Every structure is written in C-alpha cells, then in structure tokens.
Amino acid sequence: MRRLLLAALLLPAAALAHDYPTVARADYVLGCMAANGNTRLALERCACSIDAIAEQLPYDSYEAADTALRMQAGNLGERGAEFRDVPQVRAVIEALRRAQAEATLRCFP
C-alpha cells in the first residue's frame, strides 16, 4: 500500500517533467495532419505522435530543435550558420529526429 501511494505521489512530477504546452501540441498536430491528409485517422496518429515525442524528449529540447529547424528552413544565409554548425544544435535536432522516428513506428503502423 505504501508503494502504491508513493508511486501515485511521484507520477504527477514525472508526468510534468515532459509536459508540453497545449499550443505546442496543437501546432505539431496541425502540421502533421496537413502532411498526412487532414483526416480523422491523421488526427489520431498525429496526436499519438506528439504524445510519443513528449514521452522521450523534454519540452525545452523539443522547442530548441524546432526553433533550429525553422531557422534552418528560413533561408537566412550566413546568419543561419549558427543553427547549422553548432554541435549542440545538431545534437538536439538528432534527439528530436530519433523521437520522431520512434513515434512514427508507434503511431503510423
């Protein structure tokens, strides 16, 4: 009984460790749905995907990788180099890509 109570008390803290803001989740799902046909099935799979990513990657890392990817895609020329050539940026992008690959395997059978 004591273990169950302890687990119940610790679960919310663990769940909040990777809690993503609703807006970030909605933004991901909308983009994912647009890329996958805007169907009900796409909604379910995309919602599953962001949940799977959130289980694997803290929000701060997700946000950093998402920002870097957006900046890389923004055609910033030399200013974009700071989002391409920094080892820490490459590492956080790779972590996101690994989480996305796992999410794809889990949610898009």
N, C-alpha and C. Protein backbone atom coordinates (compact mmCIF):
# COMPACT_ATOMS: atom_id res chain seq x y z
N MET A 1 0.83 -1.18 0.00
CA MET A 1 0.00 0.00 0.00
C MET A 1 0.88 1.26 0.00
N ARG A 2 1.94 1.24 0.77
CA ARG A 2 2.84 2.38 0.85
C ARG A 2 3.49 2.65 -0.51
N ARG A 3 3.87 1.60 -1.23
CA ARG A 3 4.49 1.76 -2.55
C ARG A 3 3.51 2.38 -3.53
N LEU A 4 2.27 1.94 -3.49
CA LEU A 4 1.25 2.48 -4.38
C LEU A 4 1.04 3.97 -4.12
N LEU A 5 0.99 4.35 -2.87
CA LEU A 5 0.82 5.76 -2.52
C LEU A 5 2.02 6.57 -2.98
N LEU A 6 3.21 6.05 -2.77
CA LEU A 6 4.42 6.75 -3.21
C LEU A 6 4.43 6.90 -4.73
N ALA A 7 4.06 5.86 -5.44
CA ALA A 7 4.01 5.92 -6.91
C ALA A 7 2.99 6.95 -7.37
N ALA A 8 1.85 7.01 -6.70
CA ALA A 8 0.81 7.98 -7.05
C ALA A 8 1.29 9.41 -6.81
N LEU A 9 2.09 9.62 -5.79
CA LEU A 9 2.60 10.95 -5.50
C LEU A 9 3.70 11.36 -6.47
N LEU A 10 4.49 10.42 -6.93
CA LEU A 10 5.59 10.72 -7.83
C LEU A 10 5.16 10.84 -9.28
N LEU A 11 4.08 10.20 -9.66
CA LEU A 11 3.63 10.20 -11.04
C LEU A 11 3.39 11.60 -11.58
N PRO A 12 2.66 12.46 -10.87
CA PRO A 12 2.45 13.80 -11.44
C PRO A 12 3.75 14.55 -11.71
N ALA A 13 4.73 14.44 -10.85
CA ALA A 13 6.00 15.12 -11.08
C ALA A 13 6.69 14.57 -12.32
N ALA A 14 6.67 13.27 -12.49
CA ALA A 14 7.27 12.66 -13.67
C ALA A 14 6.51 13.04 -14.93
N ALA A 15 5.19 13.06 -14.83
CA ALA A 15 4.39 13.42 -15.99
C ALA A 15 4.63 14.87 -16.39
N LEU A 16 4.80 15.76 -15.43
CA LEU A 16 5.02 17.17 -15.72
C LEU A 16 6.41 17.45 -16.27
N ALA A 17 7.36 16.55 -16.04
CA ALA A 17 8.73 16.77 -16.49
C ALA A 17 8.79 16.93 -18.01
N HIS A 18 7.92 16.28 -18.73
CA HIS A 18 7.91 16.35 -20.18
C HIS A 18 6.58 16.91 -20.68
N ASP A 19 5.93 17.73 -19.88
CA ASP A 19 4.65 18.29 -20.28
C ASP A 19 4.89 19.39 -21.31
N TYR A 20 4.19 19.29 -22.42
CA TYR A 20 4.29 20.28 -23.47
C TYR A 20 3.07 21.21 -23.38
N PRO A 21 3.25 22.50 -23.68
CA PRO A 21 2.10 23.40 -23.70
C PRO A 21 1.09 22.94 -24.76
N THR A 22 -0.16 23.19 -24.49
CA THR A 22 -1.22 22.80 -25.43
C THR A 22 -0.99 23.40 -26.81
N VAL A 23 -0.54 24.64 -26.86
CA VAL A 23 -0.31 25.29 -28.16
C VAL A 23 0.77 24.55 -28.95
N ALA A 24 1.82 24.10 -28.30
CA ALA A 24 2.89 23.37 -28.99
C ALA A 24 2.36 22.04 -29.52
N ARG A 25 1.56 21.34 -28.70
CA ARG A 25 0.98 20.08 -29.15
C ARG A 25 0.03 20.31 -30.33
N ALA A 26 -0.82 21.34 -30.23
CA ALA A 26 -1.77 21.64 -31.31
C ALA A 26 -1.04 22.02 -32.59
N ASP A 27 0.01 22.82 -32.48
CA ASP A 27 0.79 23.22 -33.65
C ASP A 27 1.39 22.00 -34.34
N TYR A 28 1.94 21.08 -33.54
CA TYR A 28 2.52 19.87 -34.11
C TYR A 28 1.44 19.05 -34.82
N VAL A 29 0.31 18.86 -34.14
CA VAL A 29 -0.77 18.03 -34.71
C VAL A 29 -1.29 18.65 -36.00
N LEU A 30 -1.49 19.96 -36.02
CA LEU A 30 -2.00 20.60 -37.24
C LEU A 30 -1.03 20.44 -38.41
N GLY A 31 0.27 20.64 -38.16
CA GLY A 31 1.25 20.46 -39.21
C GLY A 31 1.33 19.02 -39.68
N CYS A 32 1.29 18.11 -38.73
CA CYS A 32 1.33 16.68 -39.05
C CYS A 32 0.11 16.27 -39.87
N MET A 33 -1.05 16.76 -39.45
CA MET A 33 -2.28 16.44 -40.19
C MET A 33 -2.23 16.97 -41.61
N ALA A 34 -1.73 18.19 -41.79
CA ALA A 34 -1.63 18.77 -43.13
C ALA A 34 -0.74 17.90 -44.02
N ALA A 35 0.29 17.34 -43.44
CA ALA A 35 1.21 16.48 -44.20
C ALA A 35 0.66 15.08 -44.43
N ASN A 36 -0.41 14.74 -43.70
CA ASN A 36 -0.92 13.36 -43.78
C ASN A 36 -2.40 13.28 -44.17
N GLY A 37 -2.92 14.31 -44.82
CA GLY A 37 -4.23 14.20 -45.43
C GLY A 37 -5.40 14.82 -44.68
N ASN A 38 -5.17 15.42 -43.52
CA ASN A 38 -6.26 16.07 -42.77
C ASN A 38 -7.48 15.18 -42.56
N THR A 39 -7.25 13.95 -42.20
CA THR A 39 -8.35 13.02 -41.94
C THR A 39 -8.44 12.74 -40.44
N ARG A 40 -9.51 12.08 -40.05
CA ARG A 40 -9.66 11.69 -38.64
C ARG A 40 -8.53 10.74 -38.25
N LEU A 41 -8.17 9.83 -39.14
CA LEU A 41 -7.08 8.90 -38.86
C LEU A 41 -5.76 9.67 -38.67
N ALA A 42 -5.55 10.68 -39.50
CA ALA A 42 -4.33 11.51 -39.35
C ALA A 42 -4.34 12.21 -37.99
N LEU A 43 -5.50 12.70 -37.57
CA LEU A 43 -5.61 13.35 -36.26
C LEU A 43 -5.18 12.40 -35.16
N GLU A 44 -5.70 11.19 -35.18
CA GLU A 44 -5.36 10.20 -34.15
C GLU A 44 -3.88 9.85 -34.18
N ARG A 45 -3.35 9.64 -35.36
CA ARG A 45 -1.93 9.28 -35.47
C ARG A 45 -1.01 10.43 -35.09
N CYS A 46 -1.37 11.64 -35.47
CA CYS A 46 -0.54 12.80 -35.15
C CYS A 46 -0.58 13.12 -33.66
N ALA A 47 -1.75 12.96 -33.04
CA ALA A 47 -1.85 13.16 -31.60
C ALA A 47 -1.02 12.11 -30.87
N CYS A 48 -1.06 10.88 -31.34
CA CYS A 48 -0.23 9.81 -30.79
C CYS A 48 1.24 10.17 -30.94
N SER A 49 1.59 10.72 -32.08
CA SER A 49 2.98 11.04 -32.37
C SER A 49 3.55 12.09 -31.43
N ILE A 50 2.82 13.18 -31.19
CA ILE A 50 3.35 14.21 -30.29
C ILE A 50 3.38 13.69 -28.86
N ASP A 51 2.44 12.83 -28.49
CA ASP A 51 2.48 12.23 -27.15
C ASP A 51 3.73 11.35 -27.00
N ALA A 52 4.04 10.59 -28.05
CA ALA A 52 5.22 9.72 -28.01
C ALA A 52 6.51 10.55 -27.95
N ILE A 53 6.54 11.63 -28.69
CA ILE A 53 7.72 12.52 -28.65
C ILE A 53 7.87 13.12 -27.26
N ALA A 54 6.76 13.56 -26.68
CA ALA A 54 6.80 14.17 -25.34
C ALA A 54 7.25 13.19 -24.28
N GLU A 55 6.99 11.91 -24.48
CA GLU A 55 7.47 10.89 -23.53
C GLU A 55 8.99 10.77 -23.56
N GLN A 56 9.58 11.07 -24.71
CA GLN A 56 11.01 10.83 -24.91
C GLN A 56 11.88 12.08 -24.77
N LEU A 57 11.29 13.24 -24.97
CA LEU A 57 12.09 14.45 -25.10
C LEU A 57 11.50 15.56 -24.23
N PRO A 58 12.30 16.16 -23.35
CA PRO A 58 11.79 17.29 -22.57
C PRO A 58 11.37 18.43 -23.50
N TYR A 59 10.40 19.21 -23.05
CA TYR A 59 9.89 20.29 -23.90
C TYR A 59 10.98 21.28 -24.29
N ASP A 60 11.88 21.60 -23.39
CA ASP A 60 12.96 22.55 -23.73
C ASP A 60 13.79 22.06 -24.91
N SER A 61 14.07 20.76 -24.95
CA SER A 61 14.84 20.20 -26.07
C SER A 61 14.02 20.22 -27.35
N TYR A 62 12.73 19.87 -27.24
CA TYR A 62 11.84 19.91 -28.40
C TYR A 62 11.78 21.33 -28.97
N GLU A 63 11.61 22.30 -28.10
CA GLU A 63 11.50 23.70 -28.52
C GLU A 63 12.79 24.17 -29.19
N ALA A 64 13.93 23.81 -28.62
CA ALA A 64 15.22 24.20 -29.20
C ALA A 64 15.40 23.59 -30.59
N ALA A 65 15.07 22.31 -30.73
CA ALA A 65 15.21 21.64 -32.02
C ALA A 65 14.24 22.22 -33.04
N ASP A 66 13.01 22.45 -32.63
CA ASP A 66 12.00 23.02 -33.53
C ASP A 66 12.43 24.40 -34.00
N THR A 67 12.93 25.22 -33.09
CA THR A 67 13.40 26.56 -33.45
C THR A 67 14.56 26.48 -34.43
N ALA A 68 15.52 25.61 -34.15
CA ALA A 68 16.68 25.47 -35.04
C ALA A 68 16.26 25.01 -36.43
N LEU A 69 15.34 24.05 -36.49
CA LEU A 69 14.87 23.57 -37.80
C LEU A 69 14.14 24.67 -38.56
N ARG A 70 13.34 25.45 -37.86
CA ARG A 70 12.64 26.56 -38.52
C ARG A 70 13.63 27.61 -39.02
N MET A 71 14.65 27.88 -38.23
CA MET A 71 15.65 28.86 -38.64
C MET A 71 16.46 28.34 -39.83
N GLN A 72 16.77 27.06 -39.84
CA GLN A 72 17.50 26.49 -40.97
C GLN A 72 16.68 26.58 -42.25
N ALA A 73 15.38 26.39 -42.13
CA ALA A 73 14.50 26.42 -43.30
C ALA A 73 14.20 27.84 -43.76
N GLY A 74 14.55 28.83 -42.96
CA GLY A 74 14.22 30.22 -43.24
C GLY A 74 15.11 30.92 -44.24
N ASN A 75 16.05 30.21 -44.87
CA ASN A 75 16.94 30.82 -45.86
C ASN A 75 17.62 32.08 -45.30
N LEU A 76 18.31 31.91 -44.19
CA LEU A 76 18.96 33.04 -43.52
C LEU A 76 20.38 33.28 -44.00
N GLY A 77 20.85 32.50 -44.93
CA GLY A 77 22.21 32.67 -45.43
C GLY A 77 23.22 32.41 -44.34
N GLU A 78 24.19 33.30 -44.21
CA GLU A 78 25.23 33.12 -43.20
C GLU A 78 24.69 33.21 -41.78
N ARG A 79 23.63 33.99 -41.57
CA ARG A 79 23.04 34.09 -40.24
C ARG A 79 22.49 32.74 -39.78
N GLY A 80 22.11 31.90 -40.72
CA GLY A 80 21.58 30.59 -40.38
C GLY A 80 22.66 29.60 -39.97
N ALA A 81 23.93 29.96 -40.16
CA ALA A 81 25.03 29.05 -39.82
C ALA A 81 25.03 28.71 -38.34
N GLU A 82 24.64 29.65 -37.50
CA GLU A 82 24.63 29.37 -36.07
C GLU A 82 23.58 28.32 -35.70
N PHE A 83 22.67 28.03 -36.61
CA PHE A 83 21.67 26.99 -36.36
C PHE A 83 22.02 25.70 -37.10
N ARG A 84 23.11 25.71 -37.87
CA ARG A 84 23.52 24.52 -38.60
C ARG A 84 24.82 23.94 -38.08
N ASP A 85 25.74 24.79 -37.71
CA ASP A 85 27.11 24.36 -37.49
C ASP A 85 27.51 24.16 -36.03
N VAL A 86 26.61 24.34 -35.12
CA VAL A 86 26.93 24.20 -33.70
C VAL A 86 26.62 22.77 -33.25
N PRO A 87 27.60 22.08 -32.65
CA PRO A 87 27.37 20.69 -32.25
C PRO A 87 26.17 20.50 -31.33
N GLN A 88 25.93 21.44 -30.42
CA GLN A 88 24.79 21.30 -29.51
C GLN A 88 23.47 21.37 -30.27
N VAL A 89 23.41 22.20 -31.29
CA VAL A 89 22.20 22.32 -32.10
C VAL A 89 21.99 21.04 -32.89
N ARG A 90 23.05 20.53 -33.48
CA ARG A 90 22.94 19.27 -34.22
C ARG A 90 22.49 18.14 -33.30
N ALA A 91 22.99 18.13 -32.08
CA ALA A 91 22.62 17.07 -31.13
C ALA A 91 21.15 17.13 -30.75
N VAL A 92 20.64 18.33 -30.52
CA VAL A 92 19.23 18.43 -30.12
C VAL A 92 18.31 18.10 -31.30
N ILE A 93 18.73 18.45 -32.51
CA ILE A 93 17.95 18.08 -33.70
C ILE A 93 17.95 16.57 -33.89
N GLU A 94 19.09 15.94 -33.68
CA GLU A 94 19.16 14.48 -33.80
C GLU A 94 18.28 13.80 -32.75
N ALA A 95 18.25 14.35 -31.55
CA ALA A 95 17.38 13.79 -30.50
C ALA A 95 15.92 13.88 -30.92
N LEU A 96 15.53 15.00 -31.51
CA LEU A 96 14.16 15.15 -31.98
C LEU A 96 13.88 14.16 -33.11
N ARG A 97 14.81 14.01 -34.02
CA ARG A 97 14.61 13.07 -35.14
C ARG A 97 14.48 11.63 -34.65
N ARG A 98 15.26 11.27 -33.63
CA ARG A 98 15.12 9.92 -33.06
C ARG A 98 13.75 9.74 -32.41
N ALA A 99 13.30 10.76 -31.69
CA ALA A 99 11.99 10.70 -31.05
C ALA A 99 10.88 10.63 -32.11
N GLN A 100 11.04 11.38 -33.20
CA GLN A 100 10.05 11.33 -34.27
C GLN A 100 10.04 9.97 -34.95
N ALA A 101 11.20 9.37 -35.14
CA ALA A 101 11.26 8.04 -35.75
C ALA A 101 10.56 7.01 -34.87
N GLU A 102 10.80 7.07 -33.57
CA GLU A 102 10.13 6.16 -32.64
C GLU A 102 8.62 6.39 -32.66
N ALA A 103 8.21 7.66 -32.70
CA ALA A 103 6.79 7.99 -32.75
C ALA A 103 6.15 7.46 -34.04
N THR A 104 6.87 7.56 -35.14
CA THR A 104 6.36 7.05 -36.41
C THR A 104 6.15 5.55 -36.36
N LEU A 105 7.11 4.85 -35.79
CA LEU A 105 6.98 3.40 -35.65
C LEU A 105 5.78 3.03 -34.78
N ARG A 106 5.57 3.79 -33.73
CA ARG A 106 4.49 3.51 -32.79
C ARG A 106 3.13 3.93 -33.31
N CYS A 107 3.05 5.04 -34.00
CA CYS A 107 1.75 5.65 -34.31
C CYS A 107 1.31 5.54 -35.77
N PHE A 108 2.23 5.24 -36.66
CA PHE A 108 1.89 5.15 -38.08
C PHE A 108 2.23 3.74 -38.58
N PRO A 109 1.49 2.75 -38.09
CA PRO A 109 1.82 1.37 -38.48
C PRO A 109 1.55 1.08 -39.96
